[in-house]
Each structure stands twice: as C-alpha cells, then as structure tokens.
Amino acid sequence: MTTGDALVVEAQRFATDLTATVRAVVGDHVEAFRARALHHPGLDHVSVHQEPRTGIPLTVDGAPLLNLTAEYYCVWDSPGQFLAVDESAVKVYAGAKAAGEPLFRYEYTRGTTGDVPRAHVQIHGHRDALAFVMTRAGSGSPRGQQLAGRVAQGTAVPRMSDLHFPVGGTRFRPCLEDVLDMLVRELGVDHAHAWRDALADGRERWRRMQTAAVVRDAPVEAIAALTALGYDIQLRDGTVAPQGNRDRLREL
C-alpha cells in the first residue's frame, strides 16, 4: 500500500466517524461523508466531504430552518505518522439549502495565513455600531489597514464577516461536534434521542487525538506531567529525545 493509499484509508475512517456522529444527532437521512484523493504533485492530499454535497439539513419543530456544511482536507502530519487536517470549513446557512452567504463559519488552515488566525470564526451579519467602530479602528494592524484602505476607496463596507475571531489555534480549535451542540442547544434544531451521547463520544475522540498531538508538540511538559502522576518514563536505547514543536504552541 502506498502512502497515498494509506492516507485515504485513514481519512475514510475519519469520514465514517463524522457520518456516524451527524446521523446519530439529526437522523439517518444525512448523506455520508467520503474520502477522495486529490492529485497534487509531491503531496498526498485527501478531501473529506459529503457526497453529494447537499449539506446537512436542520429543522426546528419539523420545519427546515438551517443547513450545515462541513469539508476537510487531510494530509499526513509532519513526521508522516498520523492523519492531520490541513484545512477545514464548517458553515451554517439560513434556509433549507446551502446557498448564498452563510450566517457564520468556522474555518481552519494549518499552513501560514498571514495576519488571519489559523483557526477562527467569522460571523456574517451587519450591525451599524460595529461597522462604525471598524471604519475608525483600523490603523493599528495590517488587517485593519487593509480594511480601512478598502473603505476609504469606496470598494467595501465594513461587515462582521471581515473580523476573524481566534478559537484555539491548531490544537485547541472547535470540532464539528461543538458546532452541532450549539445549534441544538441555542437554536433548538431537531435531534435524535441520544444526541448528547453521540456528540460527547465524538468530542472525546477528537480531544484524545488532539491530546496526542499536543504531547508531540511539548514532550518535555508531557513527561513532567506524567512523572508527577507517578510514571517512570525513559527513552528507549538509541532513541534521540524529540524536540517538540514550539511554533505550534505559539501560533495564533
């Protein structure tokens, strides 16, 4: 099996977990998530999305109200051992179809994103007070200068969707289960009887994977914490101590 084939297998496991979680919350009518290899020279890349890409219809009291879409692009992590999400986008739309501008979106980009946080929320709404502040508070940052320039040139009106709210960076960003939980609790989206357990199970899987990733980023701190719990940890003979990944811990 090639590394590309192995990546598809791992991504399909992730897709199967997503499908099971979503169906356990809103019903078996939801289209399944699938993993599909993307062909980029020198890079194994897999898309995880619904097929067909109709989104996840959400109802309140039986009436269509919202549509949720989720898409992930997966690669191997830096050591080439574990599945990593390279990019993701979870969007919530008003109405039964995923069309036009979403109400809000959770996005993540693993690579360099300039002044935009790697993990962030964007709210697509329009409030006069916020627009007023945004037109006058832009000179202190590159992103603000960019927006202020567009406003001054008359090419843009400030919108809430121009703001990127950080939500935990690469390791501590929200998962799809968190978005679904909010939609059920806050907006009363119709759901299955065991929705709480399904979301808790999915959230636990996600956080256990992220815990392992954080340990690889900060092995010294992980060893110290485990030693304090009574573990005796030693490197195997001939093994070089890992250096960790300080950049992942510092980035936005």
Protein backbone atom coordinates (compact mmCIF):
# COMPACT_ATOMS: atom_id res chain seq x y z
CA MET A 1 0.00 0.00 0.00
CA THR A 2 1.39 3.42 -0.94
CA THR A 3 1.46 6.33 1.50
CA GLY A 4 -1.29 7.95 -0.56
CA ASP A 5 -3.49 4.85 -0.30
CA ALA A 6 -2.85 4.64 3.44
CA LEU A 7 -3.85 8.30 3.81
CA VAL A 8 -7.15 7.63 2.05
CA VAL A 9 -7.82 4.71 4.40
CA GLU A 10 -7.19 6.87 7.48
CA ALA A 11 -9.26 9.72 6.05
CA GLN A 12 -12.14 7.36 5.33
CA ARG A 13 -12.11 6.28 8.98
CA PHE A 14 -12.43 9.95 9.89
CA ALA A 15 -15.27 10.34 7.35
CA THR A 16 -17.08 7.32 8.78
CA ASP A 17 -16.86 8.78 12.30
CA LEU A 18 -18.27 12.10 11.04
CA THR A 19 -21.17 10.35 9.33
CA ALA A 20 -21.99 8.29 12.42
CA THR A 21 -21.93 11.35 14.67
CA VAL A 22 -24.09 13.52 12.43
CA ARG A 23 -26.64 10.77 11.78
CA ALA A 24 -26.84 10.00 15.50
CA VAL A 25 -27.78 13.63 16.10
CA VAL A 26 -30.10 14.62 13.22
CA GLY A 27 -31.09 11.34 11.56
CA ASP A 28 -30.07 8.68 9.05
CA HIS A 29 -31.24 10.76 6.08
CA VAL A 30 -27.95 12.71 6.12
CA GLU A 31 -25.66 11.97 3.18
CA ALA A 32 -22.48 10.11 4.12
CA PHE A 33 -19.04 11.71 4.26
CA ARG A 34 -16.49 10.22 1.86
CA ALA A 35 -12.72 10.48 1.45
CA ARG A 36 -11.42 11.29 -2.02
CA ALA A 37 -7.77 11.56 -3.04
CA LEU A 38 -6.69 14.81 -4.66
CA HIS A 39 -3.81 14.78 -7.09
CA HIS A 40 -1.14 17.38 -6.33
CA PRO A 41 2.49 16.76 -7.40
CA GLY A 42 4.59 15.80 -4.39
CA LEU A 43 1.71 15.99 -1.92
CA ASP A 44 -0.74 13.36 -0.70
CA HIS A 45 -3.98 15.20 -0.08
CA VAL A 46 -7.46 13.85 0.64
CA SER A 47 -10.79 15.68 0.69
CA VAL A 48 -13.39 14.57 3.23
CA HIS A 49 -16.88 15.81 2.36
CA GLN A 50 -20.43 14.69 1.80
CA GLU A 51 -21.37 13.05 -1.45
CA PRO A 52 -23.45 14.54 -2.92
CA ARG A 53 -22.53 17.87 -1.36
CA THR A 54 -26.03 18.76 -0.27
CA GLY A 55 -25.13 19.76 3.27
CA ILE A 56 -26.84 18.68 6.46
CA PRO A 57 -30.47 19.88 6.59
CA LEU A 58 -31.55 21.01 10.06
CA THR A 59 -35.12 21.50 11.18
CA VAL A 60 -36.87 23.11 14.12
CA ASP A 61 -40.25 21.67 15.06
CA GLY A 62 -40.09 19.71 11.83
CA ALA A 63 -39.71 22.76 9.59
CA PRO A 64 -36.50 23.34 7.56
CA LEU A 65 -34.54 26.20 9.12
CA LEU A 66 -30.79 25.76 8.59
CA ASN A 67 -28.23 23.89 6.51
CA LEU A 68 -24.79 22.87 7.80
CA THR A 69 -21.86 22.06 5.51
CA ALA A 70 -18.52 20.58 6.60
CA GLU A 71 -15.45 19.90 4.47
CA TYR A 72 -11.93 18.83 5.41
CA TYR A 73 -8.65 18.49 3.53
CA CYS A 74 -6.36 15.94 5.14
CA VAL A 75 -2.62 15.20 4.90
CA TRP A 76 -0.05 13.28 6.90
CA ASP A 77 1.38 15.17 9.87
CA SER A 78 4.98 16.39 9.75
CA PRO A 79 6.54 13.03 10.82
CA GLY A 80 4.26 11.25 8.34
CA GLN A 81 2.65 9.06 11.01
CA PHE A 82 -0.78 10.48 11.77
CA LEU A 83 -3.69 11.98 9.87
CA ALA A 84 -3.75 15.78 10.07
CA VAL A 85 -6.37 18.28 8.92
CA ASP A 86 -4.72 20.75 6.56
CA GLU A 87 -7.83 22.89 6.03
CA SER A 88 -11.42 22.74 7.20
CA ALA A 89 -14.58 24.78 6.84
CA VAL A 90 -17.86 24.34 8.72
CA LYS A 91 -20.61 26.72 7.59
CA VAL A 92 -24.16 27.32 8.76
CA TYR A 93 -26.70 28.75 6.31
CA ALA A 94 -30.19 30.12 6.83
CA GLY A 95 -32.82 28.10 4.97
CA ALA A 96 -33.00 24.54 3.75
CA LYS A 97 -30.15 24.84 1.23
CA ALA A 98 -26.50 25.84 1.47
CA ALA A 99 -26.74 28.88 -0.77
CA GLY A 100 -25.51 32.45 -0.68
CA GLU A 101 -23.68 33.84 2.33
CA PRO A 102 -23.60 31.71 5.49
CA LEU A 103 -24.76 33.02 8.84
CA PHE A 104 -21.37 32.11 10.29
CA ARG A 105 -18.44 29.81 9.60
CA TYR A 106 -15.68 28.06 11.48
CA GLU A 107 -12.50 27.79 9.41
CA TYR A 108 -9.04 26.38 9.93
CA THR A 109 -5.86 26.49 7.84
CA ARG A 110 -2.82 24.55 9.04
CA GLY A 111 -0.30 26.49 6.96
CA THR A 112 0.77 30.12 7.09
CA THR A 113 -2.18 32.51 6.87
CA GLY A 114 -0.55 35.92 7.28
CA ASP A 115 -2.48 38.07 9.75
CA VAL A 116 -5.51 35.76 9.86
CA PRO A 117 -5.68 33.29 12.79
CA ARG A 118 -5.30 29.70 11.66
CA ALA A 119 -8.49 28.72 13.48
CA HIS A 120 -11.19 31.38 13.53
CA VAL A 121 -14.91 32.12 13.44
CA GLN A 122 -16.45 34.60 11.02
CA ILE A 123 -19.94 35.97 11.59
CA HIS A 124 -21.79 37.16 8.52
CA GLY A 125 -24.04 39.83 9.95
CA HIS A 126 -24.37 43.57 9.69
CA ARG A 127 -24.59 45.87 12.68
CA ASP A 128 -24.28 49.63 12.34
CA ALA A 129 -22.41 50.11 15.62
CA LEU A 130 -19.74 47.54 14.77
CA ALA A 131 -19.37 48.92 11.25
CA PHE A 132 -18.85 52.40 12.73
CA VAL A 133 -16.07 51.12 15.02
CA MET A 134 -14.41 49.14 12.23
CA THR A 135 -14.15 52.19 9.97
CA ARG A 136 -12.28 54.08 12.70
CA ALA A 137 -10.13 51.47 14.46
CA GLY A 138 -8.18 50.01 11.59
CA SER A 139 -4.82 51.76 11.57
CA GLY A 140 -3.23 49.70 14.34
CA SER A 141 -2.90 46.41 12.45
CA PRO A 142 -2.10 45.19 8.92
CA ARG A 143 -5.57 43.64 8.58
CA GLY A 144 -7.17 46.83 9.86
CA GLN A 145 -5.13 48.95 7.46
CA GLN A 146 -6.20 46.73 4.60
CA LEU A 147 -9.87 47.09 5.51
CA ALA A 148 -9.57 50.82 6.14
CA GLY A 149 -7.98 51.23 2.70
CA ARG A 150 -10.84 49.39 1.04
CA VAL A 151 -13.38 51.54 2.89
CA ALA A 152 -11.55 54.76 2.01
CA GLN A 153 -11.51 53.76 -1.65
CA GLY A 154 -15.20 53.06 -1.56
CA THR A 155 -14.68 49.40 -2.51
CA ALA A 156 -16.04 47.87 0.70
CA VAL A 157 -18.47 48.45 3.53
CA PRO A 158 -17.32 47.01 6.89
CA ARG A 159 -19.06 43.78 7.77
CA MET A 160 -18.83 41.47 10.74
CA SER A 161 -17.52 38.77 8.40
CA ASP A 162 -14.35 40.85 7.96
CA LEU A 163 -13.42 40.03 11.57
CA HIS A 164 -11.66 36.73 12.33
CA PHE A 165 -12.23 35.61 15.93
CA PRO A 166 -9.43 33.25 17.14
CA VAL A 167 -10.71 29.96 18.54
CA GLY A 168 -7.78 27.98 19.89
CA GLY A 169 -5.32 27.60 17.03
CA THR A 170 -4.21 24.31 15.54
CA ARG A 171 -4.55 22.11 18.60
CA PHE A 172 -7.45 23.57 20.56
CA ARG A 173 -9.89 24.59 17.84
CA PRO A 174 -13.57 23.56 17.99
CA CYS A 175 -14.72 20.33 16.34
CA LEU A 176 -17.85 19.67 14.30
CA GLU A 177 -19.49 18.23 17.42
CA ASP A 178 -19.18 21.63 19.12
CA VAL A 179 -21.00 23.37 16.25
CA LEU A 180 -23.78 20.77 16.25
CA ASP A 181 -24.12 21.08 20.02
CA MET A 182 -24.54 24.84 19.77
CA LEU A 183 -27.19 24.51 17.04
CA VAL A 184 -29.23 22.08 19.15
CA ARG A 185 -28.90 23.97 22.44
CA GLU A 186 -29.12 27.55 21.18
CA LEU A 187 -31.40 27.28 18.13
CA GLY A 188 -33.49 24.25 19.03
CA VAL A 189 -32.54 22.17 15.99
CA ASP A 190 -34.46 18.89 15.89
CA HIS A 191 -32.38 15.95 17.07
CA ALA A 192 -32.36 12.26 17.92
CA HIS A 193 -32.96 10.99 21.45
CA ALA A 194 -29.30 10.09 22.11
CA TRP A 195 -27.79 13.25 20.61
CA ARG A 196 -25.91 14.23 23.77
CA ASP A 197 -24.08 10.90 23.98
CA ALA A 198 -23.26 10.90 20.26
CA LEU A 199 -21.73 14.37 20.45
CA ALA A 200 -19.90 13.59 23.69
CA ASP A 201 -18.41 10.44 22.10
CA GLY A 202 -17.28 12.34 19.01
CA ARG A 203 -15.89 15.20 21.07
CA GLU A 204 -13.96 12.73 23.23
CA ARG A 205 -12.40 11.08 20.14
CA TRP A 206 -11.39 14.48 18.81
CA ARG A 207 -9.88 15.66 22.08
CA ARG A 208 -7.96 12.43 22.60
CA MET A 209 -6.41 12.84 19.14
CA GLN A 210 -5.58 16.46 19.89
CA THR A 211 -4.11 15.47 23.27
CA ALA A 212 -1.73 13.10 21.50
CA ALA A 213 -0.78 15.88 19.07
CA VAL A 214 -0.10 18.32 21.92
CA VAL A 215 2.12 15.72 23.62
CA ARG A 216 4.18 15.52 20.43
CA ASP A 217 4.39 19.33 20.39
CA ALA A 218 5.51 19.55 24.04
CA PRO A 219 7.09 16.23 25.10
CA VAL A 220 9.05 17.79 27.98
CA GLU A 221 5.86 19.11 29.58
CA ALA A 222 4.09 15.81 28.92
CA ILE A 223 6.86 13.85 30.63
CA ALA A 224 6.82 16.25 33.59
CA ALA A 225 3.06 15.88 34.00
CA LEU A 226 3.19 12.08 33.80
CA THR A 227 6.14 11.93 36.19
CA ALA A 228 4.12 13.98 38.68
CA LEU A 229 1.39 11.34 38.38
CA GLY A 230 3.86 8.61 39.34
CA TYR A 231 5.03 7.33 35.95
CA ASP A 232 8.68 6.48 35.32
CA ILE A 233 9.46 7.48 31.72
CA GLN A 234 12.70 6.72 29.90
CA LEU A 235 13.75 6.92 26.28
CA ARG A 236 14.49 3.61 24.60
CA ASP A 237 18.20 2.91 23.99
CA GLY A 238 19.42 4.67 20.89
CA THR A 239 16.42 6.98 20.68
CA VAL A 240 17.04 10.70 20.26
CA ALA A 241 14.93 12.91 22.51
CA PRO A 242 12.23 14.69 20.44
CA GLN A 243 12.48 18.45 20.21
CA GLY A 244 8.78 19.21 20.16
CA ASN A 245 7.12 21.86 18.04
CA ARG A 246 7.30 25.25 19.75
CA ASP A 247 5.84 27.06 16.73
CA ARG A 248 2.58 25.11 17.06
CA LEU A 249 2.29 26.22 20.68
CA ARG A 250 2.91 29.90 19.88
CA GLU A 251 0.95 30.43 16.69
CA LEU A 252 -2.48 32.03 16.62
